[in-house]
Amino acid sequence: MKSVKHEILKEQWKELIKNYNESGLPVRQWCEKNQIQPGRYYYWLKTIREESLIKAGTLAVTGQAQFAEINPSKEVLPLSNQGTCAILRSNGNEIEILNGADANTLEAILRILGRS
């Protein structure tokens, strides 16, 4: 179970990450402007993403790095200006997640996929 302090910090960082996503600035420039160390930003981004995946039931907590074989599609997918972070395929559906995707939206999508 996470501590109350951790949960408070997580909520604060969700807002900061949302602020970053809306800023349109590169991470380093946004961090400098907001007097935040880029390492802190990336730590919390990773923590929030992982906890969202765990909550959605799509990431096992093992304490070990895990690898999965990825077979690229022969189909050419258009690239967006933001860049693709991941493509999720499940039950014939495909979801493209862009870099900088809103953590709350990602969490909701994963929750819905976990139900199917």
C-alpha atoms as a PDB file:
ATOM      1  CA  MET A   1       0.000   0.000   0.000  1.00  0.00           C
ATOM      2  CA  LYS A   2       1.314   3.421  -0.912  1.00  0.00           C
ATOM      3  CA  SER A   3       1.699   6.058   1.767  1.00  0.00           C
ATOM      4  CA  VAL A   4      -0.608   9.054   2.031  1.00  0.00           C
ATOM      5  CA  LYS A   5       2.336  11.335   1.216  1.00  0.00           C
ATOM      6  CA  HIS A   6       2.997   9.365  -1.973  1.00  0.00           C
ATOM      7  CA  GLU A   7      -0.646   9.687  -3.038  1.00  0.00           C
ATOM      8  CA  ILE A   8      -0.633  13.445  -2.392  1.00  0.00           C
ATOM      9  CA  LEU A   9       2.577  13.871  -4.382  1.00  0.00           C
ATOM     10  CA  LYS A  10       1.167  11.696  -7.163  1.00  0.00           C
ATOM     11  CA  GLU A  11      -1.907  13.917  -7.466  1.00  0.00           C
ATOM     12  CA  GLN A  12       0.294  17.036  -7.517  1.00  0.00           C
ATOM     13  CA  TRP A  13       2.456  15.509 -10.235  1.00  0.00           C
ATOM     14  CA  LYS A  14      -0.579  14.508 -12.290  1.00  0.00           C
ATOM     15  CA  GLU A  15      -1.473  18.203 -12.384  1.00  0.00           C
ATOM     16  CA  LEU A  16       2.115  19.187 -13.225  1.00  0.00           C
ATOM     17  CA  ILE A  17       2.265  16.637 -16.040  1.00  0.00           C
ATOM     18  CA  LYS A  18      -1.084  17.897 -17.349  1.00  0.00           C
ATOM     19  CA  ASN A  19       0.369  21.429 -17.225  1.00  0.00           C
ATOM     20  CA  TYR A  20       3.406  20.247 -19.186  1.00  0.00           C
ATOM     21  CA  ASN A  21       1.228  18.524 -21.814  1.00  0.00           C
ATOM     22  CA  GLU A  22      -0.750  21.735 -22.320  1.00  0.00           C
ATOM     23  CA  SER A  23       2.376  23.934 -22.476  1.00  0.00           C
ATOM     24  CA  GLY A  24       3.640  22.740 -25.858  1.00  0.00           C
ATOM     25  CA  LEU A  25       7.217  23.162 -24.577  1.00  0.00           C
ATOM     26  CA  PRO A  26      10.017  20.573 -24.698  1.00  0.00           C
ATOM     27  CA  VAL A  27      10.440  18.801 -21.341  1.00  0.00           C
ATOM     28  CA  ARG A  28      13.775  20.434 -20.489  1.00  0.00           C
ATOM     29  CA  GLN A  29      12.510  23.918 -21.259  1.00  0.00           C
ATOM     30  CA  TRP A  30       9.295  23.372 -19.280  1.00  0.00           C
ATOM     31  CA  CYS A  31      11.270  21.958 -16.340  1.00  0.00           C
ATOM     32  CA  GLU A  32      13.652  24.910 -16.360  1.00  0.00           C
ATOM     33  CA  LYS A  33      10.758  27.373 -16.503  1.00  0.00           C
ATOM     34  CA  ASN A  34       9.073  25.621 -13.543  1.00  0.00           C
ATOM     35  CA  GLN A  35      12.297  25.013 -11.587  1.00  0.00           C
ATOM     36  CA  ILE A  36      11.881  21.245 -11.736  1.00  0.00           C
ATOM     37  CA  GLN A  37      14.710  18.791 -12.303  1.00  0.00           C
ATOM     38  CA  PRO A  38      14.023  16.767 -15.473  1.00  0.00           C
ATOM     39  CA  GLY A  39      14.881  13.580 -13.563  1.00  0.00           C
ATOM     40  CA  ARG A  40      12.043  14.276 -11.100  1.00  0.00           C
ATOM     41  CA  TYR A  41       9.635  14.852 -13.963  1.00  0.00           C
ATOM     42  CA  TYR A  42      10.583  11.557 -15.648  1.00  0.00           C
ATOM     43  CA  TYR A  43      10.482   9.676 -12.313  1.00  0.00           C
ATOM     44  CA  TRP A  44       6.913  10.767 -11.641  1.00  0.00           C
ATOM     45  CA  LEU A  45       5.810  10.248 -15.240  1.00  0.00           C
ATOM     46  CA  LYS A  46       7.075   6.654 -15.071  1.00  0.00           C
ATOM     47  CA  THR A  47       5.588   6.094 -11.592  1.00  0.00           C
ATOM     48  CA  ILE A  48       2.155   7.381 -12.595  1.00  0.00           C
ATOM     49  CA  ARG A  49       2.149   5.366 -15.835  1.00  0.00           C
ATOM     50  CA  GLU A  50       3.178   2.156 -14.064  1.00  0.00           C
ATOM     51  CA  GLU A  51       0.640   2.599 -11.264  1.00  0.00           C
ATOM     52  CA  SER A  52      -2.076   3.252 -13.846  1.00  0.00           C
ATOM     53  CA  LEU A  53      -1.142   0.038 -15.682  1.00  0.00           C
ATOM     54  CA  ILE A  54      -1.103  -1.938 -12.436  1.00  0.00           C
ATOM     55  CA  LYS A  55      -4.473  -0.497 -11.432  1.00  0.00           C
ATOM     56  CA  ALA A  56      -5.880  -1.462 -14.840  1.00  0.00           C
ATOM     57  CA  GLY A  57      -4.531  -4.978 -14.364  1.00  0.00           C
ATOM     58  CA  THR A  58      -2.249  -4.867 -17.388  1.00  0.00           C
ATOM     59  CA  LEU A  59       1.124  -4.791 -15.610  1.00  0.00           C
ATOM     60  CA  ALA A  60       2.261  -7.459 -13.195  1.00  0.00           C
ATOM     61  CA  VAL A  61       4.339  -6.362 -10.234  1.00  0.00           C
ATOM     62  CA  THR A  62       7.308  -8.701 -10.205  1.00  0.00           C
ATOM     63  CA  GLY A  63      10.230  -6.463  -9.338  1.00  0.00           C
ATOM     64  CA  GLN A  64      12.040  -7.763 -12.416  1.00  0.00           C
ATOM     65  CA  ALA A  65      12.400  -6.399 -15.901  1.00  0.00           C
ATOM     66  CA  GLN A  66      10.320  -8.336 -18.396  1.00  0.00           C
ATOM     67  CA  PHE A  67      10.596  -8.483 -22.143  1.00  0.00           C
ATOM     68  CA  ALA A  68       8.061  -9.309 -24.812  1.00  0.00           C
ATOM     69  CA  GLU A  69       8.666 -10.120 -28.432  1.00  0.00           C
ATOM     70  CA  ILE A  70       7.173  -7.531 -30.748  1.00  0.00           C
ATOM     71  CA  ASN A  71       6.335  -8.478 -34.301  1.00  0.00           C
ATOM     72  CA  PRO A  72       6.022  -5.291 -36.316  1.00  0.00           C
ATOM     73  CA  SER A  73       3.097  -4.950 -38.664  1.00  0.00           C
ATOM     74  CA  LYS A  74       3.870  -4.849 -42.365  1.00  0.00           C
ATOM     75  CA  GLU A  75       1.312  -2.048 -42.634  1.00  0.00           C
ATOM     76  CA  VAL A  76       2.822   1.446 -42.668  1.00  0.00           C
ATOM     77  CA  LEU A  77       1.221   3.628 -40.008  1.00  0.00           C
ATOM     78  CA  PRO A  78       1.225   7.427 -40.318  1.00  0.00           C
ATOM     79  CA  LEU A  79       3.415   9.189 -37.775  1.00  0.00           C
ATOM     80  CA  SER A  80       2.010  12.116 -35.830  1.00  0.00           C
ATOM     81  CA  ASN A  81       3.896  15.237 -34.840  1.00  0.00           C
ATOM     82  CA  GLN A  82       4.029  14.044 -31.233  1.00  0.00           C
ATOM     83  CA  GLY A  83       5.458  10.611 -31.984  1.00  0.00           C
ATOM     84  CA  THR A  84       4.010   7.253 -31.070  1.00  0.00           C
ATOM     85  CA  CYS A  85       4.705   5.968 -27.587  1.00  0.00           C
ATOM     86  CA  ALA A  86       2.895   2.630 -27.954  1.00  0.00           C
ATOM     87  CA  ILE A  87       0.297   0.785 -29.985  1.00  0.00           C
ATOM     88  CA  LEU A  88      -2.043  -1.511 -28.074  1.00  0.00           C
ATOM     89  CA  ARG A  89      -3.809  -4.306 -29.945  1.00  0.00           C
ATOM     90  CA  SER A  90      -6.553  -6.314 -28.275  1.00  0.00           C
ATOM     91  CA  ASN A  91      -9.523  -8.280 -29.611  1.00  0.00           C
ATOM     92  CA  GLY A  92      -9.121  -6.839 -33.102  1.00  0.00           C
ATOM     93  CA  ASN A  93      -8.928  -3.257 -31.831  1.00  0.00           C
ATOM     94  CA  GLU A  94      -5.899  -1.010 -32.112  1.00  0.00           C
ATOM     95  CA  ILE A  95      -5.104   2.054 -29.976  1.00  0.00           C
ATOM     96  CA  GLU A  96      -2.174   4.356 -30.735  1.00  0.00           C
ATOM     97  CA  ILE A  97      -0.800   6.221 -27.717  1.00  0.00           C
ATOM     98  CA  LEU A  98       1.197   9.336 -28.458  1.00  0.00           C
ATOM     99  CA  ASN A  99       4.084  10.689 -26.417  1.00  0.00           C
ATOM    100  CA  GLY A 100       2.727  13.161 -23.890  1.00  0.00           C
ATOM    101  CA  ALA A 101      -0.676  11.457 -23.695  1.00  0.00           C
ATOM    102  CA  ASP A 102      -2.758  12.608 -20.736  1.00  0.00           C
ATOM    103  CA  ALA A 103      -2.247  10.154 -17.865  1.00  0.00           C
ATOM    104  CA  ASN A 104      -5.927  10.265 -16.819  1.00  0.00           C
ATOM    105  CA  THR A 105      -7.109   9.465 -20.333  1.00  0.00           C
ATOM    106  CA  LEU A 106      -4.586   6.638 -20.620  1.00  0.00           C
ATOM    107  CA  GLU A 107      -5.727   5.259 -17.266  1.00  0.00           C
ATOM    108  CA  ALA A 108      -9.390   5.299 -18.395  1.00  0.00           C
ATOM    109  CA  ILE A 109      -8.560   3.543 -21.683  1.00  0.00           C
ATOM    110  CA  LEU A 110      -6.592   0.830 -19.912  1.00  0.00           C
ATOM    111  CA  ARG A 111      -9.386   0.355 -17.378  1.00  0.00           C
ATOM    112  CA  ILE A 112     -11.870  -0.163 -20.234  1.00  0.00           C
ATOM    113  CA  LEU A 113      -9.538  -2.604 -22.022  1.00  0.00           C
ATOM    114  CA  GLY A 114      -9.115  -4.552 -18.793  1.00  0.00           C
ATOM    115  CA  ARG A 115     -12.855  -5.223 -18.704  1.00  0.00           C
ATOM    116  CA  SER A 116     -13.009  -6.765 -22.169  1.00  0.00           C
END
